mmCIF file of all heavy atoms, coordinates in Angstrom:
data_MODEL
# 
_entry.id   MODEL 
# 
loop_
_atom_site.group_PDB 
_atom_site.id 
_atom_site.type_symbol 
_atom_site.label_atom_id 
_atom_site.label_alt_id 
_atom_site.label_comp_id 
_atom_site.label_asym_id 
_atom_site.label_entity_id 
_atom_site.label_seq_id 
_atom_site.pdbx_PDB_ins_code 
_atom_site.Cartn_x 
_atom_site.Cartn_y 
_atom_site.Cartn_z 
_atom_site.occupancy 
_atom_site.B_iso_or_equiv 
_atom_site.pdbx_formal_charge 
_atom_site.auth_seq_id 
_atom_site.auth_comp_id 
_atom_site.auth_asym_id 
_atom_site.auth_atom_id 
_atom_site.pdbx_PDB_model_num 
ATOM 1   N N   . ASN A 1 1  ? -0.733  5.193   -2.894 1.00 0.00 ? 1  ASN A N   1 
ATOM 2   C CA  . ASN A 1 1  ? 0.684   5.009   -2.578 1.00 0.00 ? 1  ASN A CA  1 
ATOM 3   C C   . ASN A 1 1  ? 1.551   5.929   -3.429 1.00 0.00 ? 1  ASN A C   1 
ATOM 4   O O   . ASN A 1 1  ? 1.497   5.893   -4.648 1.00 0.00 ? 1  ASN A O   1 
ATOM 5   C CB  . ASN A 1 1  ? 1.091   3.543   -2.822 1.00 0.00 ? 1  ASN A CB  1 
ATOM 6   C CG  . ASN A 1 1  ? 2.435   3.226   -2.222 1.00 0.00 ? 1  ASN A CG  1 
ATOM 7   O OD1 . ASN A 1 1  ? 2.526   3.016   -1.031 1.00 0.00 ? 1  ASN A OD1 1 
ATOM 8   N ND2 . ASN A 1 1  ? 3.469   3.213   -3.037 1.00 0.00 ? 1  ASN A ND2 1 
ATOM 9   N N   . THR A 1 2  ? 2.346   6.766   -2.771 1.00 0.00 ? 2  THR A N   1 
ATOM 10  C CA  . THR A 1 2  ? 3.263   7.642   -3.504 1.00 0.00 ? 2  THR A CA  1 
ATOM 11  C C   . THR A 1 2  ? 4.706   7.192   -3.317 1.00 0.00 ? 2  THR A C   1 
ATOM 12  O O   . THR A 1 2  ? 5.434   7.037   -4.279 1.00 0.00 ? 2  THR A O   1 
ATOM 13  C CB  . THR A 1 2  ? 3.132   9.116   -3.054 1.00 0.00 ? 2  THR A CB  1 
ATOM 14  O OG1 . THR A 1 2  ? 3.303   9.186   -1.637 1.00 0.00 ? 2  THR A OG1 1 
ATOM 15  C CG2 . THR A 1 2  ? 1.785   9.682   -3.464 1.00 0.00 ? 2  THR A CG2 1 
ATOM 16  N N   . ASN A 1 3  ? 5.110   6.988   -2.065 1.00 0.00 ? 3  ASN A N   1 
ATOM 17  C CA  . ASN A 1 3  ? 6.492   6.595   -1.820 1.00 0.00 ? 3  ASN A CA  1 
ATOM 18  C C   . ASN A 1 3  ? 6.638   5.415   -0.860 1.00 0.00 ? 3  ASN A C   1 
ATOM 19  O O   . ASN A 1 3  ? 7.727   5.095   -0.441 1.00 0.00 ? 3  ASN A O   1 
ATOM 20  C CB  . ASN A 1 3  ? 7.309   7.786   -1.319 1.00 0.00 ? 3  ASN A CB  1 
ATOM 21  C CG  . ASN A 1 3  ? 6.830   8.315   0.007  1.00 0.00 ? 3  ASN A CG  1 
ATOM 22  O OD1 . ASN A 1 3  ? 5.702   8.074   0.413  1.00 0.00 ? 3  ASN A OD1 1 
ATOM 23  N ND2 . ASN A 1 3  ? 7.672   9.049   0.696  1.00 0.00 ? 3  ASN A ND2 1 
ATOM 24  N N   . GLY A 1 4  ? 5.534   4.762   -0.513 1.00 0.00 ? 4  GLY A N   1 
ATOM 25  C CA  . GLY A 1 4  ? 5.612   3.567   0.313  1.00 0.00 ? 4  GLY A CA  1 
ATOM 26  C C   . GLY A 1 4  ? 6.264   2.428   -0.449 1.00 0.00 ? 4  GLY A C   1 
ATOM 27  O O   . GLY A 1 4  ? 6.125   2.326   -1.672 1.00 0.00 ? 4  GLY A O   1 
ATOM 28  N N   . SER A 1 5  ? 6.991   1.589   0.252  1.00 0.00 ? 5  SER A N   1 
ATOM 29  C CA  . SER A 1 5  ? 7.702   0.486   -0.394 1.00 0.00 ? 5  SER A CA  1 
ATOM 30  C C   . SER A 1 5  ? 7.434   -0.835  0.322  1.00 0.00 ? 5  SER A C   1 
ATOM 31  O O   . SER A 1 5  ? 7.021   -0.858  1.478  1.00 0.00 ? 5  SER A O   1 
ATOM 32  C CB  . SER A 1 5  ? 9.212   0.760   -0.396 1.00 0.00 ? 5  SER A CB  1 
ATOM 33  O OG  . SER A 1 5  ? 9.514   1.867   -1.209 1.00 0.00 ? 5  SER A OG  1 
ATOM 34  N N   . ASN A 1 6  ? 7.676   -1.913  -0.376 1.00 0.00 ? 6  ASN A N   1 
ATOM 35  C CA  . ASN A 1 6  ? 7.571   -3.275  0.158  1.00 0.00 ? 6  ASN A CA  1 
ATOM 36  C C   . ASN A 1 6  ? 6.164   -3.626  0.622  1.00 0.00 ? 6  ASN A C   1 
ATOM 37  O O   . ASN A 1 6  ? 5.979   -4.337  1.600  1.00 0.00 ? 6  ASN A O   1 
ATOM 38  C CB  . ASN A 1 6  ? 8.567   -3.486  1.308  1.00 0.00 ? 6  ASN A CB  1 
ATOM 39  C CG  . ASN A 1 6  ? 9.975   -3.160  0.906  1.00 0.00 ? 6  ASN A CG  1 
ATOM 40  O OD1 . ASN A 1 6  ? 10.427  -3.538  -0.166 1.00 0.00 ? 6  ASN A OD1 1 
ATOM 41  N ND2 . ASN A 1 6  ? 10.686  -2.425  1.747  1.00 0.00 ? 6  ASN A ND2 1 
ATOM 42  N N   . ASN A 1 7  ? 5.150   -3.124  -0.062 1.00 0.00 ? 7  ASN A N   1 
ATOM 43  C CA  . ASN A 1 7  ? 3.761   -3.397  0.267  1.00 0.00 ? 7  ASN A CA  1 
ATOM 44  C C   . ASN A 1 7  ? 3.174   -4.414  -0.702 1.00 0.00 ? 7  ASN A C   1 
ATOM 45  O O   . ASN A 1 7  ? 3.523   -4.420  -1.876 1.00 0.00 ? 7  ASN A O   1 
ATOM 46  C CB  . ASN A 1 7  ? 2.936   -2.109  0.194  1.00 0.00 ? 7  ASN A CB  1 
ATOM 47  C CG  . ASN A 1 7  ? 3.371   -1.098  1.220  1.00 0.00 ? 7  ASN A CG  1 
ATOM 48  O OD1 . ASN A 1 7  ? 3.270   -1.340  2.414  1.00 0.00 ? 7  ASN A OD1 1 
ATOM 49  N ND2 . ASN A 1 7  ? 3.872   0.036   0.756  1.00 0.00 ? 7  ASN A ND2 1 
ATOM 50  N N   . THR A 1 8  ? 2.253   -5.231  -0.192 1.00 0.00 ? 8  THR A N   1 
ATOM 51  C CA  . THR A 1 8  ? 1.538   -6.182  -1.028 1.00 0.00 ? 8  THR A CA  1 
ATOM 52  C C   . THR A 1 8  ? 0.048   -6.012  -0.779 1.00 0.00 ? 8  THR A C   1 
ATOM 53  O O   . THR A 1 8  ? -0.409  -6.104  0.362  1.00 0.00 ? 8  THR A O   1 
ATOM 54  C CB  . THR A 1 8  ? 1.945   -7.636  -0.707 1.00 0.00 ? 8  THR A CB  1 
ATOM 55  O OG1 . THR A 1 8  ? 3.353   -7.779  -0.901 1.00 0.00 ? 8  THR A OG1 1 
ATOM 56  C CG2 . THR A 1 8  ? 1.201   -8.619  -1.592 1.00 0.00 ? 8  THR A CG2 1 
ATOM 57  N N   . ALA A 1 9  ? -0.705  -5.746  -1.841 1.00 0.00 ? 9  ALA A N   1 
ATOM 58  C CA  . ALA A 1 9  ? -2.152  -5.556  -1.734 1.00 0.00 ? 9  ALA A CA  1 
ATOM 59  C C   . ALA A 1 9  ? -2.840  -6.443  -2.756 1.00 0.00 ? 9  ALA A C   1 
ATOM 60  O O   . ALA A 1 9  ? -2.533  -6.381  -3.947 1.00 0.00 ? 9  ALA A O   1 
ATOM 61  C CB  . ALA A 1 9  ? -2.513  -4.096  -1.989 1.00 0.00 ? 9  ALA A CB  1 
ATOM 62  N N   . MET A 1 10 ? -3.764  -7.277  -2.294 1.00 0.00 ? 10 MET A N   1 
ATOM 63  C CA  . MET A 1 10 ? -4.518  -8.145  -3.189 1.00 0.00 ? 10 MET A CA  1 
ATOM 64  C C   . MET A 1 10 ? -5.986  -8.037  -2.837 1.00 0.00 ? 10 MET A C   1 
ATOM 65  O O   . MET A 1 10 ? -6.383  -8.387  -1.732 1.00 0.00 ? 10 MET A O   1 
ATOM 66  C CB  . MET A 1 10 ? -4.043  -9.586  -3.061 1.00 0.00 ? 10 MET A CB  1 
ATOM 67  C CG  . MET A 1 10 ? -2.608  -9.768  -3.478 1.00 0.00 ? 10 MET A CG  1 
ATOM 68  S SD  . MET A 1 10 ? -2.108  -11.473 -3.480 1.00 0.00 ? 10 MET A SD  1 
ATOM 69  C CE  . MET A 1 10 ? -2.833  -11.987 -5.012 1.00 0.00 ? 10 MET A CE  1 
ATOM 70  N N   . GLY A 1 11 ? -6.768  -7.488  -3.767 1.00 0.00 ? 11 GLY A N   1 
ATOM 71  C CA  . GLY A 1 11 ? -8.200  -7.343  -3.556 1.00 0.00 ? 11 GLY A CA  1 
ATOM 72  C C   . GLY A 1 11 ? -8.653  -5.933  -3.854 1.00 0.00 ? 11 GLY A C   1 
ATOM 73  O O   . GLY A 1 11 ? -7.886  -4.970  -3.749 1.00 0.00 ? 11 GLY A O   1 
ATOM 74  N N   . TYR A 1 12 ? -9.903  -5.797  -4.199 1.00 0.00 ? 12 TYR A N   1 
ATOM 75  C CA  . TYR A 1 12 ? -10.508 -4.516  -4.535 1.00 0.00 ? 12 TYR A CA  1 
ATOM 76  C C   . TYR A 1 12 ? -10.271 -3.497  -3.422 1.00 0.00 ? 12 TYR A C   1 
ATOM 77  O O   . TYR A 1 12 ? -10.598 -3.744  -2.267 1.00 0.00 ? 12 TYR A O   1 
ATOM 78  C CB  . TYR A 1 12 ? -12.006 -4.728  -4.756 1.00 0.00 ? 12 TYR A CB  1 
ATOM 79  C CG  . TYR A 1 12 ? -12.792 -3.479  -5.031 1.00 0.00 ? 12 TYR A CG  1 
ATOM 80  C CD1 . TYR A 1 12 ? -12.794 -2.908  -6.298 1.00 0.00 ? 12 TYR A CD1 1 
ATOM 81  C CD2 . TYR A 1 12 ? -13.534 -2.879  -4.037 1.00 0.00 ? 12 TYR A CD2 1 
ATOM 82  C CE1 . TYR A 1 12 ? -13.526 -1.759  -6.567 1.00 0.00 ? 12 TYR A CE1 1 
ATOM 83  C CE2 . TYR A 1 12 ? -14.276 -1.738  -4.292 1.00 0.00 ? 12 TYR A CE2 1 
ATOM 84  C CZ  . TYR A 1 12 ? -14.261 -1.176  -5.553 1.00 0.00 ? 12 TYR A CZ  1 
ATOM 85  O OH  . TYR A 1 12 ? -14.984 -0.034  -5.806 1.00 0.00 ? 12 TYR A OH  1 
ATOM 86  N N   . GLN A 1 13 ? -9.634  -2.398  -3.725 1.00 0.00 ? 13 GLN A N   1 
ATOM 87  C CA  . GLN A 1 13 ? -9.334  -1.287  -2.829 1.00 0.00 ? 13 GLN A CA  1 
ATOM 88  C C   . GLN A 1 13 ? -8.499  -1.665  -1.613 1.00 0.00 ? 13 GLN A C   1 
ATOM 89  O O   . GLN A 1 13 ? -8.496  -0.960  -0.606 1.00 0.00 ? 13 GLN A O   1 
ATOM 90  C CB  . GLN A 1 13 ? -10.620 -0.579  -2.383 1.00 0.00 ? 13 GLN A CB  1 
ATOM 91  C CG  . GLN A 1 13 ? -11.339 0.115   -3.503 1.00 0.00 ? 13 GLN A CG  1 
ATOM 92  C CD  . GLN A 1 13 ? -12.555 0.895   -3.033 1.00 0.00 ? 13 GLN A CD  1 
ATOM 93  O OE1 . GLN A 1 13 ? -13.196 0.559   -2.033 1.00 0.00 ? 13 GLN A OE1 1 
ATOM 94  N NE2 . GLN A 1 13 ? -12.884 1.945   -3.767 1.00 0.00 ? 13 GLN A NE2 1 
ATOM 95  N N   . SER A 1 14 ? -7.771  -2.759  -1.666 1.00 0.00 ? 14 SER A N   1 
ATOM 96  C CA  . SER A 1 14 ? -6.900  -3.110  -0.549 1.00 0.00 ? 14 SER A CA  1 
ATOM 97  C C   . SER A 1 14 ? -5.735  -2.114  -0.479 1.00 0.00 ? 14 SER A C   1 
ATOM 98  O O   . SER A 1 14 ? -5.218  -1.679  -1.496 1.00 0.00 ? 14 SER A O   1 
ATOM 99  C CB  . SER A 1 14 ? -6.403  -4.548  -0.674 1.00 0.00 ? 14 SER A CB  1 
ATOM 100 O OG  . SER A 1 14 ? -5.728  -4.746  -1.885 1.00 0.00 ? 14 SER A OG  1 
ATOM 101 N N   . LEU A 1 15 ? -5.389  -1.704  0.717  1.00 0.00 ? 15 LEU A N   1 
ATOM 102 C CA  . LEU A 1 15 ? -4.358  -0.688  0.964  1.00 0.00 ? 15 LEU A CA  1 
ATOM 103 C C   . LEU A 1 15 ? -4.597  0.568   0.130  1.00 0.00 ? 15 LEU A C   1 
ATOM 104 O O   . LEU A 1 15 ? -3.674  1.250   -0.281 1.00 0.00 ? 15 LEU A O   1 
ATOM 105 C CB  . LEU A 1 15 ? -2.957  -1.256  0.694  1.00 0.00 ? 15 LEU A CB  1 
ATOM 106 C CG  . LEU A 1 15 ? -2.308  -1.987  1.856  1.00 0.00 ? 15 LEU A CG  1 
ATOM 107 C CD1 . LEU A 1 15 ? -1.097  -2.792  1.402  1.00 0.00 ? 15 LEU A CD1 1 
ATOM 108 C CD2 . LEU A 1 15 ? -1.917  -1.038  2.972  1.00 0.00 ? 15 LEU A CD2 1 
ATOM 109 N N   . ASN A 1 16 ? -5.834  0.903   -0.087 1.00 0.00 ? 16 ASN A N   1 
ATOM 110 C CA  . ASN A 1 16 ? -6.228  2.014   -0.947 1.00 0.00 ? 16 ASN A CA  1 
ATOM 111 C C   . ASN A 1 16 ? -5.629  3.352   -0.531 1.00 0.00 ? 16 ASN A C   1 
ATOM 112 O O   . ASN A 1 16 ? -5.163  4.109   -1.374 1.00 0.00 ? 16 ASN A O   1 
ATOM 113 C CB  . ASN A 1 16 ? -7.750  2.121   -0.980 1.00 0.00 ? 16 ASN A CB  1 
ATOM 114 C CG  . ASN A 1 16 ? -8.246  3.255   -1.840 1.00 0.00 ? 16 ASN A CG  1 
ATOM 115 O OD1 . ASN A 1 16 ? -8.363  4.379   -1.380 1.00 0.00 ? 16 ASN A OD1 1 
ATOM 116 N ND2 . ASN A 1 16 ? -8.510  2.960   -3.094 1.00 0.00 ? 16 ASN A ND2 1 
ATOM 117 N N   . SER A 1 17 ? -5.635  3.689   0.751  1.00 0.00 ? 17 SER A N   1 
ATOM 118 C CA  . SER A 1 17 ? -5.194  5.007   1.222  1.00 0.00 ? 17 SER A CA  1 
ATOM 119 C C   . SER A 1 17 ? -3.724  5.059   1.606  1.00 0.00 ? 17 SER A C   1 
ATOM 120 O O   . SER A 1 17 ? -3.223  6.115   1.980  1.00 0.00 ? 17 SER A O   1 
ATOM 121 C CB  . SER A 1 17 ? -6.037  5.432   2.428  1.00 0.00 ? 17 SER A CB  1 
ATOM 122 O OG  . SER A 1 17 ? -7.408  5.458   2.083  1.00 0.00 ? 17 SER A OG  1 
ATOM 123 N N   . ASN A 1 18 ? -3.046  3.944   1.558  1.00 0.00 ? 18 ASN A N   1 
ATOM 124 C CA  . ASN A 1 18 ? -1.636  3.917   1.938  1.00 0.00 ? 18 ASN A CA  1 
ATOM 125 C C   . ASN A 1 18 ? -0.841  4.849   1.028  1.00 0.00 ? 18 ASN A C   1 
ATOM 126 O O   . ASN A 1 18 ? -0.853  4.709   -0.182 1.00 0.00 ? 18 ASN A O   1 
ATOM 127 C CB  . ASN A 1 18 ? -1.083  2.495   1.828  1.00 0.00 ? 18 ASN A CB  1 
ATOM 128 C CG  . ASN A 1 18 ? 0.303   2.377   2.412  1.00 0.00 ? 18 ASN A CG  1 
ATOM 129 O OD1 . ASN A 1 18 ? 0.442   2.343   3.623  1.00 0.00 ? 18 ASN A OD1 1 
ATOM 130 N ND2 . ASN A 1 18 ? 1.311   2.328   1.567  1.00 0.00 ? 18 ASN A ND2 1 
ATOM 131 N N   . SER A 1 19 ? -0.159  5.816   1.608  1.00 0.00 ? 19 SER A N   1 
ATOM 132 C CA  . SER A 1 19 ? 0.651   6.729   0.795  1.00 0.00 ? 19 SER A CA  1 
ATOM 133 C C   . SER A 1 19 ? 2.136   6.511   1.010  1.00 0.00 ? 19 SER A C   1 
ATOM 134 O O   . SER A 1 19 ? 2.900   6.457   0.053  1.00 0.00 ? 19 SER A O   1 
ATOM 135 C CB  . SER A 1 19 ? 0.284   8.185   1.088  1.00 0.00 ? 19 SER A CB  1 
ATOM 136 O OG  . SER A 1 19 ? 0.467   8.456   2.466  1.00 0.00 ? 19 SER A OG  1 
ATOM 137 N N   . SER A 1 20 ? 2.542   6.368   2.263  1.00 0.00 ? 20 SER A N   1 
ATOM 138 C CA  . SER A 1 20 ? 3.972   6.213   2.521  1.00 0.00 ? 20 SER A CA  1 
ATOM 139 C C   . SER A 1 20 ? 4.284   5.071   3.485  1.00 0.00 ? 20 SER A C   1 
ATOM 140 O O   . SER A 1 20 ? 5.435   4.872   3.852  1.00 0.00 ? 20 SER A O   1 
ATOM 141 C CB  . SER A 1 20 ? 4.558   7.518   3.052  1.00 0.00 ? 20 SER A CB  1 
ATOM 142 O OG  . SER A 1 20 ? 3.880   7.913   4.231  1.00 0.00 ? 20 SER A OG  1 
ATOM 143 N N   . GLY A 1 21 ? 3.273   4.326   3.893  1.00 0.00 ? 21 GLY A N   1 
ATOM 144 C CA  . GLY A 1 21 ? 3.506   3.189   4.780  1.00 0.00 ? 21 GLY A CA  1 
ATOM 145 C C   . GLY A 1 21 ? 4.346   2.126   4.096  1.00 0.00 ? 21 GLY A C   1 
ATOM 146 O O   . GLY A 1 21 ? 4.281   1.956   2.880  1.00 0.00 ? 21 GLY A O   1 
ATOM 147 N N   . ILE A 1 22 ? 5.149   1.416   4.877  1.00 0.00 ? 22 ILE A N   1 
ATOM 148 C CA  . ILE A 1 22 ? 6.029   0.391   4.313  1.00 0.00 ? 22 ILE A CA  1 
ATOM 149 C C   . ILE A 1 22 ? 5.744   -0.976  4.928  1.00 0.00 ? 22 ILE A C   1 
ATOM 150 O O   . ILE A 1 22 ? 5.241   -1.087  6.038  1.00 0.00 ? 22 ILE A O   1 
ATOM 151 C CB  . ILE A 1 22 ? 7.521   0.751   4.500  1.00 0.00 ? 22 ILE A CB  1 
ATOM 152 C CG1 . ILE A 1 22 ? 7.872   0.896   5.984  1.00 0.00 ? 22 ILE A CG1 1 
ATOM 153 C CG2 . ILE A 1 22 ? 7.872   2.025   3.752  1.00 0.00 ? 22 ILE A CG2 1 
ATOM 154 C CD1 . ILE A 1 22 ? 9.354   1.008   6.255  1.00 0.00 ? 22 ILE A CD1 1 
ATOM 155 N N   . SER A 1 23 ? 6.060   -1.992  4.174  1.00 0.00 ? 23 SER A N   1 
ATOM 156 C CA  . SER A 1 23 ? 6.014   -3.385  4.625  1.00 0.00 ? 23 SER A CA  1 
ATOM 157 C C   . SER A 1 23 ? 4.647   -3.812  5.138  1.00 0.00 ? 23 SER A C   1 
ATOM 158 O O   . SER A 1 23 ? 4.528   -4.465  6.174  1.00 0.00 ? 23 SER A O   1 
ATOM 159 C CB  . SER A 1 23 ? 7.082   -3.630  5.690  1.00 0.00 ? 23 SER A CB  1 
ATOM 160 O OG  . SER A 1 23 ? 8.359   -3.312  5.182  1.00 0.00 ? 23 SER A OG  1 
ATOM 161 N N   . ASN A 1 24 ? 3.593   -3.464  4.429  1.00 0.00 ? 24 ASN A N   1 
ATOM 162 C CA  . ASN A 1 24 ? 2.233   -3.874  4.768  1.00 0.00 ? 24 ASN A CA  1 
ATOM 163 C C   . ASN A 1 24 ? 1.779   -4.989  3.830  1.00 0.00 ? 24 ASN A C   1 
ATOM 164 O O   . ASN A 1 24 ? 2.179   -5.020  2.674  1.00 0.00 ? 24 ASN A O   1 
ATOM 165 C CB  . ASN A 1 24 ? 1.275   -2.684  4.623  1.00 0.00 ? 24 ASN A CB  1 
ATOM 166 C CG  . ASN A 1 24 ? 1.590   -1.584  5.594  1.00 0.00 ? 24 ASN A CG  1 
ATOM 167 O OD1 . ASN A 1 24 ? 1.433   -1.740  6.797  1.00 0.00 ? 24 ASN A OD1 1 
ATOM 168 N ND2 . ASN A 1 24 ? 2.045   -0.451  5.079  1.00 0.00 ? 24 ASN A ND2 1 
# 
């Protein structure tokens, strides 16, 4: 994640590749 906002990730490598996605 570089500029994605409002994301929540819980767990090993969750949302690992998300760079700019929002609200995940």
